[in-house]
PDB file of N, CA and C in Angstrom:
ATOM      1  N   MET A   1     -38.372  52.420  -1.556  1.00  0.00           N
ATOM      2  CA  MET A   1     -39.272  51.424  -1.013  1.00  0.00           C
ATOM      3  C   MET A   1     -39.479  51.687   0.481  1.00  0.00           C
ATOM      4  N   GLN A   2     -40.615  51.287   0.963  1.00  0.00           N
ATOM      5  CA  GLN A   2     -40.962  51.525   2.358  1.00  0.00           C
ATOM      6  C   GLN A   2     -40.375  50.441   3.264  1.00  0.00           C
ATOM      7  N   ASP A   3     -40.023  50.835   4.478  1.00  0.00           N
ATOM      8  CA  ASP A   3     -39.501  49.885   5.451  1.00  0.00           C
ATOM      9  C   ASP A   3     -40.577  48.860   5.810  1.00  0.00           C
ATOM     10  N   ALA A   4     -40.137  47.676   6.214  1.00  0.00           N
ATOM     11  CA  ALA A   4     -41.038  46.613   6.638  1.00  0.00           C
ATOM     12  C   ALA A   4     -40.701  46.234   8.075  1.00  0.00           C
ATOM     13  N   VAL A   5     -41.637  45.547   8.724  1.00  0.00           N
ATOM     14  CA  VAL A   5     -41.435  45.097  10.101  1.00  0.00           C
ATOM     15  C   VAL A   5     -41.650  43.588  10.155  1.00  0.00           C
ATOM     16  N   PHE A   6     -40.710  42.912  10.782  1.00  0.00           N
ATOM     17  CA  PHE A   6     -40.765  41.461  10.968  1.00  0.00           C
ATOM     18  C   PHE A   6     -40.797  41.194  12.461  1.00  0.00           C
ATOM     19  N   LYS A   7     -41.780  40.414  12.909  1.00  0.00           N
ATOM     20  CA  LYS A   7     -41.876  40.037  14.321  1.00  0.00           C
ATOM     21  C   LYS A   7     -41.902  38.527  14.423  1.00  0.00           C
ATOM     22  N   THR A   8     -41.173  38.004  15.393  1.00  0.00           N
ATOM     23  CA  THR A   8     -41.169  36.572  15.632  1.00  0.00           C
ATOM     24  C   THR A   8     -40.776  36.299  17.078  1.00  0.00           C
ATOM     25  N   TYR A   9     -41.292  35.214  17.606  1.00  0.00           N
ATOM     26  CA  TYR A   9     -40.814  34.719  18.891  1.00  0.00           C
ATOM     27  C   TYR A   9     -39.548  33.934  18.609  1.00  0.00           C
ATOM     28  N   VAL A  10     -38.661  33.861  19.599  1.00  0.00           N
ATOM     29  CA  VAL A  10     -37.427  33.092  19.437  1.00  0.00           C
ATOM     30  C   VAL A  10     -37.215  32.188  20.644  1.00  0.00           C
ATOM     31  N   LYS A  11     -36.466  31.133  20.423  1.00  0.00           N
ATOM     32  CA  LYS A  11     -36.064  30.229  21.496  1.00  0.00           C
ATOM     33  C   LYS A  11     -34.704  30.664  22.019  1.00  0.00           C
ATOM     34  N   GLY A  12     -34.420  30.338  23.266  1.00  0.00           N
ATOM     35  CA  GLY A  12     -33.074  30.504  23.790  1.00  0.00           C
ATOM     36  C   GLY A  12     -32.816  31.731  24.630  1.00  0.00           C
ATOM     37  N   ILE A  13     -33.773  32.642  24.759  1.00  0.00           N
ATOM     38  CA  ILE A  13     -33.547  33.813  25.617  1.00  0.00           C
ATOM     39  C   ILE A  13     -33.693  33.363  27.067  1.00  0.00           C
ATOM     40  N   TRP A  14     -32.622  33.490  27.808  1.00  0.00           N
ATOM     41  CA  TRP A  14     -32.691  33.053  29.202  1.00  0.00           C
ATOM     42  C   TRP A  14     -32.063  34.051  30.172  1.00  0.00           C
ATOM     43  N   CYS A  15     -31.333  35.031  29.662  1.00  0.00           N
ATOM     44  CA  CYS A  15     -30.717  36.001  30.559  1.00  0.00           C
ATOM     45  C   CYS A  15     -30.882  37.407  29.992  1.00  0.00           C
ATOM     46  N   VAL A  16     -30.556  38.401  30.788  1.00  0.00           N
ATOM     47  CA  VAL A  16     -30.745  39.789  30.361  1.00  0.00           C
ATOM     48  C   VAL A  16     -29.755  40.219  29.282  1.00  0.00           C
ATOM     49  N   GLN A  17     -28.698  39.470  29.059  1.00  0.00           N
ATOM     50  CA  GLN A  17     -27.742  39.798  28.001  1.00  0.00           C
ATOM     51  C   GLN A  17     -28.192  39.299  26.636  1.00  0.00           C
ATOM     52  N   CYS A  18     -29.080  38.315  26.610  1.00  0.00           N
ATOM     53  CA  CYS A  18     -29.539  37.744  25.340  1.00  0.00           C
ATOM     54  C   CYS A  18     -30.132  38.799  24.404  1.00  0.00           C
ATOM     55  N   PRO A  19     -31.030  39.673  24.875  1.00  0.00           N
ATOM     56  CA  PRO A  19     -31.558  40.686  23.964  1.00  0.00           C
ATOM     57  C   PRO A  19     -30.466  41.558  23.343  1.00  0.00           C
ATOM     58  N   GLU A  20     -29.471  41.915  24.134  1.00  0.00           N
ATOM     59  CA  GLU A  20     -28.367  42.741  23.618  1.00  0.00           C
ATOM     60  C   GLU A  20     -27.614  42.009  22.513  1.00  0.00           C
ATOM     61  N   LEU A  21     -27.376  40.710  22.704  1.00  0.00           N
ATOM     62  CA  LEU A  21     -26.676  39.912  21.692  1.00  0.00           C
ATOM     63  C   LEU A  21     -27.503  39.813  20.407  1.00  0.00           C
ATOM     64  N   ILE A  22     -28.820  39.640  20.557  1.00  0.00           N
ATOM     65  CA  ILE A  22     -29.696  39.546  19.388  1.00  0.00           C
ATOM     66  C   ILE A  22     -29.710  40.868  18.630  1.00  0.00           C
ATOM     67  N   ILE A  23     -29.911  41.961  19.346  1.00  0.00           N
ATOM     68  CA  ILE A  23     -29.980  43.278  18.710  1.00  0.00           C
ATOM     69  C   ILE A  23     -28.673  43.617  18.002  1.00  0.00           C
ATOM     70  N   THR A  24     -27.559  43.395  18.677  1.00  0.00           N
ATOM     71  CA  THR A  24     -26.250  43.684  18.091  1.00  0.00           C
ATOM     72  C   THR A  24     -26.031  42.856  16.828  1.00  0.00           C
ATOM     73  N   GLY A  25     -26.375  41.581  16.888  1.00  0.00           N
ATOM     74  CA  GLY A  25     -26.199  40.711  15.727  1.00  0.00           C
ATOM     75  C   GLY A  25     -27.088  41.115  14.566  1.00  0.00           C
ATOM     76  N   LEU A  26     -28.340  41.457  14.859  1.00  0.00           N
ATOM     77  CA  LEU A  26     -29.253  41.856  13.791  1.00  0.00           C
ATOM     78  C   LEU A  26     -28.826  43.171  13.149  1.00  0.00           C
ATOM     79  N   LEU A  27     -28.343  44.107  13.951  1.00  0.00           N
ATOM     80  CA  LEU A  27     -27.936  45.405  13.402  1.00  0.00           C
ATOM     81  C   LEU A  27     -26.703  45.293  12.506  1.00  0.00           C
ATOM     82  N   GLN A  28     -25.987  44.187  12.613  1.00  0.00           N
ATOM     83  CA  GLN A  28     -24.850  43.952  11.727  1.00  0.00           C
ATOM     84  C   GLN A  28     -25.284  43.412  10.367  1.00  0.00           C
ATOM     85  N   GLN A  29     -26.538  42.974  10.288  1.00  0.00           N
ATOM     86  CA  GLN A  29     -27.086  42.465   9.024  1.00  0.00           C
ATOM     87  C   GLN A  29     -27.412  43.629   8.104  1.00  0.00           C
ATOM     88  N   ARG A  30     -26.887  43.607   6.909  1.00  0.00           N
ATOM     89  CA  ARG A  30     -27.169  44.659   5.931  1.00  0.00           C
ATOM     90  C   ARG A  30     -28.669  44.721   5.678  1.00  0.00           C
ATOM     91  N   GLY A  31     -29.244  45.914   5.721  1.00  0.00           N
ATOM     92  CA  GLY A  31     -30.665  46.109   5.477  1.00  0.00           C
ATOM     93  C   GLY A  31     -31.502  46.242   6.734  1.00  0.00           C
ATOM     94  N   VAL A  32     -30.935  45.881   7.894  1.00  0.00           N
ATOM     95  CA  VAL A  32     -31.664  46.028   9.153  1.00  0.00           C
ATOM     96  C   VAL A  32     -31.518  47.466   9.630  1.00  0.00           C
ATOM     97  N   ILE A  33     -32.648  48.097   9.887  1.00  0.00           N
ATOM     98  CA  ILE A  33     -32.674  49.490  10.307  1.00  0.00           C
ATOM     99  C   ILE A  33     -32.712  49.610  11.828  1.00  0.00           C
ATOM    100  N   ASP A  34     -33.513  48.756  12.461  1.00  0.00           N
ATOM    101  CA  ASP A  34     -33.657  48.789  13.915  1.00  0.00           C
ATOM    102  C   ASP A  34     -34.110  47.414  14.385  1.00  0.00           C
ATOM    103  N   ALA A  35     -33.809  47.104  15.638  1.00  0.00           N
ATOM    104  CA  ALA A  35     -34.223  45.829  16.218  1.00  0.00           C
ATOM    105  C   ALA A  35     -34.534  46.037  17.688  1.00  0.00           C
ATOM    106  N   ASP A  36     -35.483  45.255  18.183  1.00  0.00           N
ATOM    107  CA  ASP A  36     -35.871  45.336  19.582  1.00  0.00           C
ATOM    108  C   ASP A  36     -36.253  43.933  20.052  1.00  0.00           C
ATOM    109  N   VAL A  37     -36.041  43.673  21.340  1.00  0.00           N
ATOM    110  CA  VAL A  37     -36.398  42.377  21.914  1.00  0.00           C
ATOM    111  C   VAL A  37     -37.206  42.612  23.182  1.00  0.00           C
ATOM    112  N   ALA A  38     -38.376  41.991  23.247  1.00  0.00           N
ATOM    113  CA  ALA A  38     -39.189  41.992  24.465  1.00  0.00           C
ATOM    114  C   ALA A  38     -38.773  40.760  25.257  1.00  0.00           C
ATOM    115  N   TYR A  39     -37.938  40.970  26.261  1.00  0.00           N
ATOM    116  CA  TYR A  39     -37.301  39.881  27.011  1.00  0.00           C
ATOM    117  C   TYR A  39     -38.302  38.860  27.548  1.00  0.00           C
ATOM    118  N   PHE A  40     -39.304  39.299  28.274  1.00  0.00           N
ATOM    119  CA  PHE A  40     -40.221  38.371  28.927  1.00  0.00           C
ATOM    120  C   PHE A  40     -41.157  37.666  27.951  1.00  0.00           C
ATOM    121  N   GLN A  41     -41.305  38.192  26.765  1.00  0.00           N
ATOM    122  CA  GLN A  41     -42.144  37.555  25.755  1.00  0.00           C
ATOM    123  C   GLN A  41     -41.320  36.753  24.753  1.00  0.00           C
ATOM    124  N   SER A  42     -40.002  36.920  24.765  1.00  0.00           N
ATOM    125  CA  SER A  42     -39.121  36.306  23.759  1.00  0.00           C
ATOM    126  C   SER A  42     -39.532  36.733  22.355  1.00  0.00           C
ATOM    127  N   LEU A  43     -39.941  37.994  22.232  1.00  0.00           N
ATOM    128  CA  LEU A  43     -40.424  38.525  20.961  1.00  0.00           C
ATOM    129  C   LEU A  43     -39.397  39.484  20.365  1.00  0.00           C
ATOM    130  N   VAL A  44     -39.013  39.204  19.120  1.00  0.00           N
ATOM    131  CA  VAL A  44     -38.057  40.034  18.402  1.00  0.00           C
ATOM    132  C   VAL A  44     -38.815  40.824  17.339  1.00  0.00           C
ATOM    133  N   THR A  45     -38.555  42.136  17.288  1.00  0.00           N
ATOM    134  CA  THR A  45     -39.146  43.001  16.275  1.00  0.00           C
ATOM    135  C   THR A  45     -38.012  43.643  15.488  1.00  0.00           C
ATOM    136  N   VAL A  46     -38.073  43.493  14.177  1.00  0.00           N
ATOM    137  CA  VAL A  46     -37.014  44.005  13.309  1.00  0.00           C
ATOM    138  C   VAL A  46     -37.625  44.927  12.266  1.00  0.00           C
ATOM    139  N   LYS A  47     -37.104  46.138  12.181  1.00  0.00           N
ATOM    140  CA  LYS A  47     -37.472  47.071  11.112  1.00  0.00           C
ATOM    141  C   LYS A  47     -36.368  46.950  10.066  1.00  0.00           C
ATOM    142  N   TYR A  48     -36.769  46.693   8.810  1.00  0.00           N
ATOM    143  CA  TYR A  48     -35.763  46.425   7.776  1.00  0.00           C
ATOM    144  C   TYR A  48     -36.202  46.950   6.421  1.00  0.00           C
ATOM    145  N   ASP A  49     -35.245  47.019   5.523  1.00  0.00           N
ATOM    146  CA  ASP A  49     -35.488  47.430   4.147  1.00  0.00           C
ATOM    147  C   ASP A  49     -35.642  46.160   3.301  1.00  0.00           C
ATOM    148  N   PRO A  50     -36.866  45.860   2.836  1.00  0.00           N
ATOM    149  CA  PRO A  50     -37.087  44.615   2.088  1.00  0.00           C
ATOM    150  C   PRO A  50     -36.394  44.584   0.724  1.00  0.00           C
ATOM    151  N   ALA A  51     -35.881  45.707   0.265  1.00  0.00           N
ATOM    152  CA  ALA A  51     -35.117  45.717  -0.982  1.00  0.00           C
ATOM    153  C   ALA A  51     -33.707  45.178  -0.767  1.00  0.00           C
ATOM    154  N   ILE A  52     -33.293  45.103   0.504  1.00  0.00           N
ATOM    155  CA  ILE A  52     -31.926  44.672   0.818  1.00  0.00           C
ATOM    156  C   ILE A  52     -31.892  43.311   1.515  1.00  0.00           C
ATOM    157  N   VAL A  53     -32.822  43.071   2.434  1.00  0.00           N
ATOM    158  CA  VAL A  53     -32.839  41.829   3.207  1.00  0.00           C
ATOM    159  C   VAL A  53     -34.265  41.286   3.253  1.00  0.00           C
ATOM    160  N   THR A  54     -34.397  39.958   3.290  1.00  0.00           N
ATOM    161  CA  THR A  54     -35.713  39.319   3.297  1.00  0.00           C
ATOM    162  C   THR A  54     -36.000  38.681   4.657  1.00  0.00           C
ATOM    163  N   GLU A  55     -37.271  38.354   4.900  1.00  0.00           N
ATOM    164  CA  GLU A  55     -37.632  37.679   6.149  1.00  0.00           C
ATOM    165  C   GLU A  55     -36.899  36.350   6.314  1.00  0.00           C
ATOM    166  N   PRO A  56     -36.805  35.523   5.259  1.00  0.00           N
ATOM    167  CA  PRO A  56     -36.037  34.277   5.419  1.00  0.00           C
ATOM    168  C   PRO A  56     -34.581  34.534   5.825  1.00  0.00           C
ATOM    169  N   GLN A  57     -33.981  35.594   5.315  1.00  0.00           N
ATOM    170  CA  GLN A  57     -32.607  35.927   5.712  1.00  0.00           C
ATOM    171  C   GLN A  57     -32.555  36.355   7.177  1.00  0.00           C
ATOM    172  N   LEU A  58     -33.578  37.073   7.629  1.00  0.00           N
ATOM    173  CA  LEU A  58     -33.631  37.475   9.039  1.00  0.00           C
ATOM    174  C   LEU A  58     -33.812  36.253   9.941  1.00  0.00           C
ATOM    175  N   ARG A  59     -34.644  35.321   9.516  1.00  0.00           N
ATOM    176  CA  ARG A  59     -34.827  34.075  10.276  1.00  0.00           C
ATOM    177  C   ARG A  59     -33.503  33.304  10.358  1.00  0.00           C
ATOM    178  N   GLU A  60     -32.800  33.246   9.241  1.00  0.00           N
ATOM    179  CA  GLU A  60     -31.511  32.563   9.195  1.00  0.00           C
ATOM    180  C   GLU A  60     -30.504  33.246  10.128  1.00  0.00           C
ATOM    181  N   LYS A  61     -30.503  34.568  10.119  1.00  0.00           N
ATOM    182  CA  LYS A  61     -29.587  35.323  10.980  1.00  0.00           C
ATOM    183  C   LYS A  61     -29.871  35.031  12.450  1.00  0.00           C
ATOM    184  N   LEU A  62     -31.150  35.007  12.833  1.00  0.00           N
ATOM    185  CA  LEU A  62     -31.510  34.693  14.222  1.00  0.00           C
ATOM    186  C   LEU A  62     -31.035  33.290  14.598  1.00  0.00           C
ATOM    187  N   THR A  63     -31.188  32.348  13.686  1.00  0.00           N
ATOM    188  CA  THR A  63     -30.727  30.984  13.949  1.00  0.00           C
ATOM    189  C   THR A  63     -29.213  30.956  14.109  1.00  0.00           C
ATOM    190  N   GLU A  64     -28.495  31.679  13.248  1.00  0.00           N
ATOM    191  CA  GLU A  64     -27.028  31.763  13.351  1.00  0.00           C
ATOM    192  C   GLU A  64     -26.606  32.349  14.692  1.00  0.00           C
ATOM    193  N   LEU A  65     -27.389  33.297  15.192  1.00  0.00           N
ATOM    194  CA  LEU A  65     -27.081  33.934  16.476  1.00  0.00           C
ATOM    195  C   LEU A  65     -27.389  33.024  17.656  1.00  0.00           C
ATOM    196  N   GLY A  66     -28.077  31.913  17.406  1.00  0.00           N
ATOM    197  CA  GLY A  66     -28.408  30.973  18.475  1.00  0.00           C
ATOM    198  C   GLY A  66     -29.797  31.169  19.053  1.00  0.00           C
ATOM    199  N   TYR A  67     -30.632  31.920  18.360  1.00  0.00           N
ATOM    200  CA  TYR A  67     -31.991  32.203  18.819  1.00  0.00           C
ATOM    201  C   TYR A  67     -32.967  31.901  17.686  1.00  0.00           C
ATOM    202  N   PRO A  68     -33.227  30.613  17.425  1.00  0.00           N
ATOM    203  CA  PRO A  68     -34.071  30.262  16.283  1.00  0.00           C
ATOM    204  C   PRO A  68     -35.504  30.774  16.438  1.00  0.00           C
ATOM    205  N   PRO A  69     -36.096  31.222  15.344  1.00  0.00           N
ATOM    206  CA  PRO A  69     -37.487  31.678  15.367  1.00  0.00           C
ATOM    207  C   PRO A  69     -38.425  30.559  15.815  1.00  0.00           C
ATOM    208  N   PHE A  70     -39.509  30.962  16.462  1.00  0.00           N
ATOM    209  CA  PHE A  70     -40.462  30.039  17.068  1.00  0.00           C
ATOM    210  C   PHE A  70     -41.858  30.538  16.720  1.00  0.00           C
ATOM    211  N   ASP A  71     -42.768  29.648  16.393  1.00  0.00           N
ATOM    212  CA  ASP A  71     -44.104  30.036  15.936  1.00  0.00           C
ATOM    213  C   ASP A  71     -44.976  30.678  17.013  1.00  0.00           C
ATOM    214  N   ARG A  72     -44.622  30.460  18.251  1.00  0.00           N
ATOM    215  CA  ARG A  72     -45.440  30.981  19.344  1.00  0.00           C
ATOM    216  C   ARG A  72     -44.539  31.409  20.494  1.00  0.00           C
ATOM    217  N   LYS A  73     -45.120  32.070  21.450  1.00  0.00           N
ATOM    218  CA  LYS A  73     -44.356  32.480  22.624  1.00  0.00           C
ATOM    219  C   LYS A  73     -43.929  31.220  23.390  1.00  0.00           C
ATOM    220  N   PRO A  74     -42.635  31.071  23.680  1.00  0.00           N
ATOM    221  CA  PRO A  74     -42.187  29.907  24.452  1.00  0.00           C
ATOM    222  C   PRO A  74     -42.824  29.894  25.840  1.00  0.00           C
ATOM    223  N   THR A  75     -43.167  28.704  26.294  1.00  0.00           N
ATOM    224  CA  THR A  75     -43.752  28.560  27.630  1.00  0.00           C
ATOM    225  C   THR A  75     -42.671  28.760  28.686  1.00  0.00           C
ATOM    226  N   ALA A  76     -43.106  28.914  29.922  1.00  0.00           N
ATOM    227  CA  ALA A  76     -42.155  29.064  31.030  1.00  0.00           C
ATOM    228  C   ALA A  76     -41.252  27.839  31.117  1.00  0.00           C
ATOM    229  N   LEU A  77     -41.804  26.662  30.863  1.00  0.00           N
ATOM    230  CA  LEU A  77     -41.008  25.436  30.906  1.00  0.00           C
ATOM    231  C   LEU A  77     -39.953  25.425  29.799  1.00  0.00           C
ATOM    232  N   GLU A  78     -40.315  25.885  28.612  1.00  0.00           N
ATOM    233  CA  GLU A  78     -39.348  25.958  27.513  1.00  0.00           C
ATOM    234  C   GLU A  78     -38.255  26.976  27.815  1.00  0.00           C
ATOM    235  N   ARG A  79     -38.625  28.089  28.454  1.00  0.00           N
ATOM    236  CA  ARG A  79     -37.611  29.077  28.832  1.00  0.00           C
ATOM    237  C   ARG A  79     -36.667  28.509  29.887  1.00  0.00           C
ATOM    238  N   LEU A  80     -37.213  27.753  30.844  1.00  0.00           N
ATOM    239  CA  LEU A  80     -36.388  27.127  31.876  1.00  0.00           C
ATOM    240  C   LEU A  80     -35.456  26.094  31.251  1.00  0.00           C
ATOM    241  N   ALA A  81     -35.966  25.305  30.306  1.00  0.00           N
ATOM    242  CA  ALA A  81     -35.139  24.305  29.629  1.00  0.00           C
ATOM    243  C   ALA A  81     -33.973  24.986  28.895  1.00  0.00           C
ATOM    244  N   ALA A  82     -34.229  26.110  28.261  1.00  0.00           N
ATOM    245  CA  ALA A  82     -33.151  26.837  27.572  1.00  0.00           C
ATOM    246  C   ALA A  82     -32.083  27.276  28.561  1.00  0.00           C
ATOM    247  N   LYS A  83     -32.513  27.737  29.715  1.00  0.00           N
ATOM    248  CA  LYS A  83     -31.548  28.162  30.738  1.00  0.00           C
ATOM    249  C   LYS A  83     -30.721  26.979  31.224  1.00  0.00           C
ATOM    250  N   LEU A  84     -31.382  25.860  31.483  1.00  0.00           N
ATOM    251  CA  LEU A  84     -30.669  24.674  31.957  1.00  0.00           C
ATOM    252  C   LEU A  84     -29.671  24.169  30.909  1.00  0.00           C
ATOM    253  N   LEU A  85     -30.087  24.170  29.651  1.00  0.00           N
ATOM    254  CA  LEU A  85     -29.175  23.725  28.586  1.00  0.00           C
ATOM    255  C   LEU A  85     -27.969  24.652  28.490  1.00  0.00           C
ATOM    256  N   HIS A  86     -28.192  25.949  28.648  1.00  0.00           N
ATOM    257  CA  HIS A  86     -27.099  26.902  28.599  1.00  0.00           C
ATOM    258  C   HIS A  86     -26.125  26.688  29.758  1.00  0.00           C
ATOM    259  N   LEU A  87     -26.649  26.335  30.910  1.00  0.00           N
ATOM    260  CA  LEU A  87     -25.815  26.138  32.085  1.00  0.00           C
ATOM    261  C   LEU A  87     -25.131  24.771  32.090  1.00  0.00           C
ATOM    262  N   GLY A  88     -25.420  23.945  31.080  1.00  0.00           N
ATOM    263  CA  GLY A  88     -24.754  22.650  30.974  1.00  0.00           C
ATOM    264  C   GLY A  88     -25.537  21.507  31.545  1.00  0.00           C
ATOM    265  N   GLY A  89     -26.779  21.757  31.958  1.00  0.00           N
ATOM    266  CA  GLY A  89     -27.619  20.685  32.474  1.00  0.00           C
ATOM    267  C   GLY A  89     -28.324  19.988  31.340  1.00  0.00           C
ATOM    268  N   SER A  90     -29.244  19.145  31.683  1.00  0.00           N
ATOM    269  CA  SER A  90     -30.039  18.475  30.646  1.00  0.00           C
ATOM    270  C   SER A  90     -31.497  18.801  30.869  1.00  0.00           C
ATOM    271  N   ALA A  91     -32.226  18.896  29.781  1.00  0.00           N
ATOM    272  CA  ALA A  91     -33.649  19.214  29.881  1.00  0.00           C
ATOM    273  C   ALA A  91     -34.453  18.247  29.051  1.00  0.00           C
TER     274      ALA A  91
END
């Protein structure tokens, strides 16, 4: 079967380590071939084998990692709120 590509925006990216955590977590998922994160866009791209893992499973994995999928690119205000929540403030 041919590889598939899943792209989604995610919530919660606020620092330069977040993409590394997402990529590392996704690569531990059986069936994931490659993963990439566009930091400033909060966009995750996953190359995977659909015979082994499904898009809903990838969405679930992102949520487990603390970066839930989002229907659109988060606004600057939403990115700031994520940073404040991570630092222990309130948003």
